[in-house]
Amino acid sequence: EVQLVESGGGLVQAGGSLRLSCAVSGLAVDEYNMAWFRQAPGKEREGISCISSSTGRSYYSNSVKGRFTITSDNAKNVVYLQMDALRPDDTAIYYCAADGSLRLSPLASDYLRPQNYPRWGQGTQVTVSS
């Protein structure tokens, strides 16, 4: 059974940092495209970062580029999202997701498209206060 379990969310002041973890079982993170998404109340789910096994690259949305960093620990089978310089508009539920299709696309946006990810965690709440 595949499981993705997020942790590390919480309440932080603007300008602060958090590190989210996605502990994965049932699949190897170094064989999948692993991504982080977020969804704020009343908004669509937004892809913010992907670490791709098919391309060996990392991808970021413009909204988090330069502030967030995605990494993985293949030995522990965990994917991390280091979030720095947090802002109130980063407040959302953050989800980890996996895509085993070995997608190869010239469009970075394809790696951040929710419909390309069939496996999802339950999410962790991040709240940034001003």
Protein backbone atom coordinates (compact mmCIF):
# COMPACT_ATOMS: atom_id res chain seq x y z
CA GLU A 1 0.00 0.00 0.00
CA VAL A 2 1.30 3.43 -0.97
CA GLN A 3 1.25 6.05 1.77
CA LEU A 4 2.42 9.65 1.75
CA VAL A 5 2.38 11.31 5.16
CA GLU A 6 3.10 15.01 5.52
CA SER A 7 4.30 16.64 8.71
CA GLY A 8 5.99 19.81 9.88
CA GLY A 9 3.20 22.30 9.38
CA GLY A 10 2.23 24.83 12.01
CA LEU A 11 1.88 28.48 12.87
CA VAL A 12 4.77 30.82 12.09
CA GLN A 13 5.25 34.57 11.90
CA ALA A 14 5.88 36.29 8.60
CA GLY A 15 9.54 36.09 7.68
CA GLY A 16 9.98 32.80 9.51
CA SER A 17 10.78 29.31 8.26
CA LEU A 18 9.30 25.84 8.33
CA ARG A 19 10.42 22.51 6.95
CA LEU A 20 7.77 20.12 5.74
CA SER A 21 8.43 16.40 5.47
CA CYS A 22 6.70 13.79 3.34
CA ALA A 23 7.38 10.27 4.58
CA VAL A 24 6.68 7.78 1.82
CA SER A 25 6.03 4.04 1.92
CA GLY A 26 5.13 1.66 -0.87
CA LEU A 27 7.17 3.44 -3.54
CA ALA A 28 10.72 4.74 -3.91
CA VAL A 29 10.93 8.53 -4.05
CA ASP A 30 13.97 8.36 -6.32
CA GLU A 31 11.88 6.54 -8.95
CA TYR A 32 9.01 9.03 -8.98
CA ASN A 33 8.40 12.67 -9.65
CA MET A 34 7.66 13.99 -6.16
CA ALA A 35 5.89 17.30 -5.75
CA TRP A 36 4.43 19.70 -3.23
CA PHE A 37 1.11 21.42 -3.74
CA ARG A 38 -0.89 23.79 -1.61
CA GLN A 39 -4.48 24.87 -1.38
CA ALA A 40 -5.74 27.97 0.37
CA PRO A 41 -9.41 28.38 1.32
CA GLY A 42 -11.50 29.21 -1.73
CA LYS A 43 -8.61 28.74 -4.12
CA GLU A 44 -7.55 26.02 -6.53
CA ARG A 45 -4.80 23.60 -5.65
CA GLU A 46 -1.46 25.09 -6.72
CA GLY A 47 1.67 23.19 -7.66
CA ILE A 48 4.66 24.83 -6.03
CA SER A 49 7.61 22.46 -6.34
CA CYS A 50 8.69 19.18 -7.92
CA ILE A 51 11.81 17.08 -7.72
CA SER A 52 11.84 14.92 -10.81
CA SER A 53 13.41 11.50 -11.14
CA SER A 54 12.77 11.53 -14.88
CA THR A 55 14.68 14.75 -15.57
CA GLY A 56 16.93 15.05 -12.51
CA ARG A 57 15.74 18.61 -12.06
CA SER A 58 13.74 20.59 -9.56
CA TYR A 59 10.92 22.93 -10.51
CA TYR A 60 9.31 25.80 -8.65
CA SER A 61 6.34 28.03 -9.15
CA ASN A 62 7.02 31.73 -9.45
CA SER A 63 5.22 32.27 -6.17
CA VAL A 64 7.86 30.35 -4.17
CA LYS A 65 10.97 30.47 -6.34
CA GLY A 66 13.94 31.72 -4.34
CA ARG A 67 12.21 31.11 -1.00
CA PHE A 68 11.38 27.38 -0.97
CA THR A 69 13.70 24.44 -1.61
CA ILE A 70 12.71 20.85 -2.34
CA THR A 71 15.04 18.00 -1.46
CA SER A 72 14.83 14.28 -0.91
CA ASP A 73 16.56 11.74 1.29
CA ASN A 74 16.43 8.58 -0.76
CA ALA A 75 17.79 6.42 2.04
CA LYS A 76 14.97 7.54 4.34
CA ASN A 77 12.44 7.74 1.47
CA VAL A 78 11.44 11.24 2.56
CA VAL A 79 10.86 14.41 0.56
CA TYR A 80 11.32 17.79 2.24
CA LEU A 81 10.18 21.31 1.52
CA GLN A 82 12.25 23.98 3.22
CA MET A 83 10.21 27.17 3.35
CA ASP A 84 11.96 30.43 4.16
CA ALA A 85 10.85 34.06 4.16
CA LEU A 86 7.27 32.94 4.71
CA ARG A 87 4.46 35.39 3.96
CA PRO A 88 0.82 35.45 5.04
CA ASP A 89 -0.23 34.47 1.51
CA ASP A 90 1.67 31.20 1.96
CA THR A 91 -1.06 30.12 4.37
CA ALA A 92 -2.61 26.92 3.02
CA ILE A 93 -2.85 23.19 3.40
CA TYR A 94 0.29 21.68 1.90
CA TYR A 95 0.15 18.32 0.14
CA CYS A 96 2.79 15.89 -1.04
CA ALA A 97 2.14 13.95 -4.24
CA ALA A 98 3.81 11.29 -6.41
CA ASP A 99 3.80 10.62 -10.15
CA GLY A 100 5.32 7.40 -11.42
CA SER A 101 4.78 8.05 -15.12
CA LEU A 102 8.42 9.04 -15.78
CA ARG A 103 7.03 12.11 -17.46
CA LEU A 104 9.34 14.00 -19.79
CA SER A 105 8.06 17.39 -20.81
CA PRO A 106 9.74 20.59 -21.98
CA LEU A 107 7.16 22.52 -19.96
CA ALA A 108 8.04 23.10 -16.33
CA SER A 109 4.37 23.67 -15.64
CA ASP A 110 3.62 20.02 -16.46
CA TYR A 111 5.56 18.98 -13.38
CA LEU A 112 3.34 21.20 -11.22
CA ARG A 113 -0.03 20.18 -12.61
CA PRO A 114 -2.21 18.44 -9.98
CA GLN A 115 -3.94 16.18 -12.50
CA ASN A 116 -0.58 14.58 -13.33
CA TYR A 117 -0.24 13.22 -9.80
CA PRO A 118 -2.29 10.15 -8.85
CA ARG A 119 -0.88 9.65 -5.34
CA TRP A 120 -1.53 12.15 -2.55
CA GLY A 121 -0.97 12.62 1.13
CA GLN A 122 -3.54 13.96 3.55
CA GLY A 123 -1.98 17.41 3.88
CA THR A 124 -0.53 19.55 6.65
CA GLN A 125 -1.69 23.03 7.61
CA VAL A 126 0.70 25.98 7.36
CA THR A 127 -0.44 29.29 8.82
CA VAL A 128 1.67 32.43 8.50
CA SER A 129 0.70 35.35 10.71
CA SER A 130 1.44 38.96 9.86
